[in-house]
Amino acid sequence: MNKTITAENAPAAVGPYCHAKLAGNTLYTSGQLGLVPATGELPQGVEAQAAQALENLQAVLAAGGMSCADVVKTTVFLADMNDFAAINAIYAKYFPGEAPARSCVQVAALPKGALFEIEAVAVK
């Protein structure tokens, strides 16, 4: 049995999907862009988008009763792999200490022209 998670403090999904699914003690999040929840707009630049996407991810995790400390795996999608070092510095602030496992890939395009997207798996 699973439960749909909707976070009030995260931007609405831009397609037919939910913020996350809680299956037992495992939370699977949908990809989070750097959309500002109040406006639905993307901030300028990969650093600002990454920081906002990670804030959005925190809101989704909290709605599922979890935090960044519960994250065991993330996948990061970049529009440009040249941004790898810049996003690592921001990412490290949200996952201090022992970081989760992570994949990071460059993609041809992201929804809404975003530069950064992140999804996560968390376990209580």
Foldseek 3Di string as FASTA:
>chain_A
DKDFFAFPQAAADPDPDGQWIGDPQKIWGDKFWLQHRVPRDHDPDQLSRLLSSLVNVQRRQVSVVHGQVQWAEKEKEFQDCVCVVVSVVSVCVRAPDDHHHYHYYYDPADPPRTGMIMITMGGD
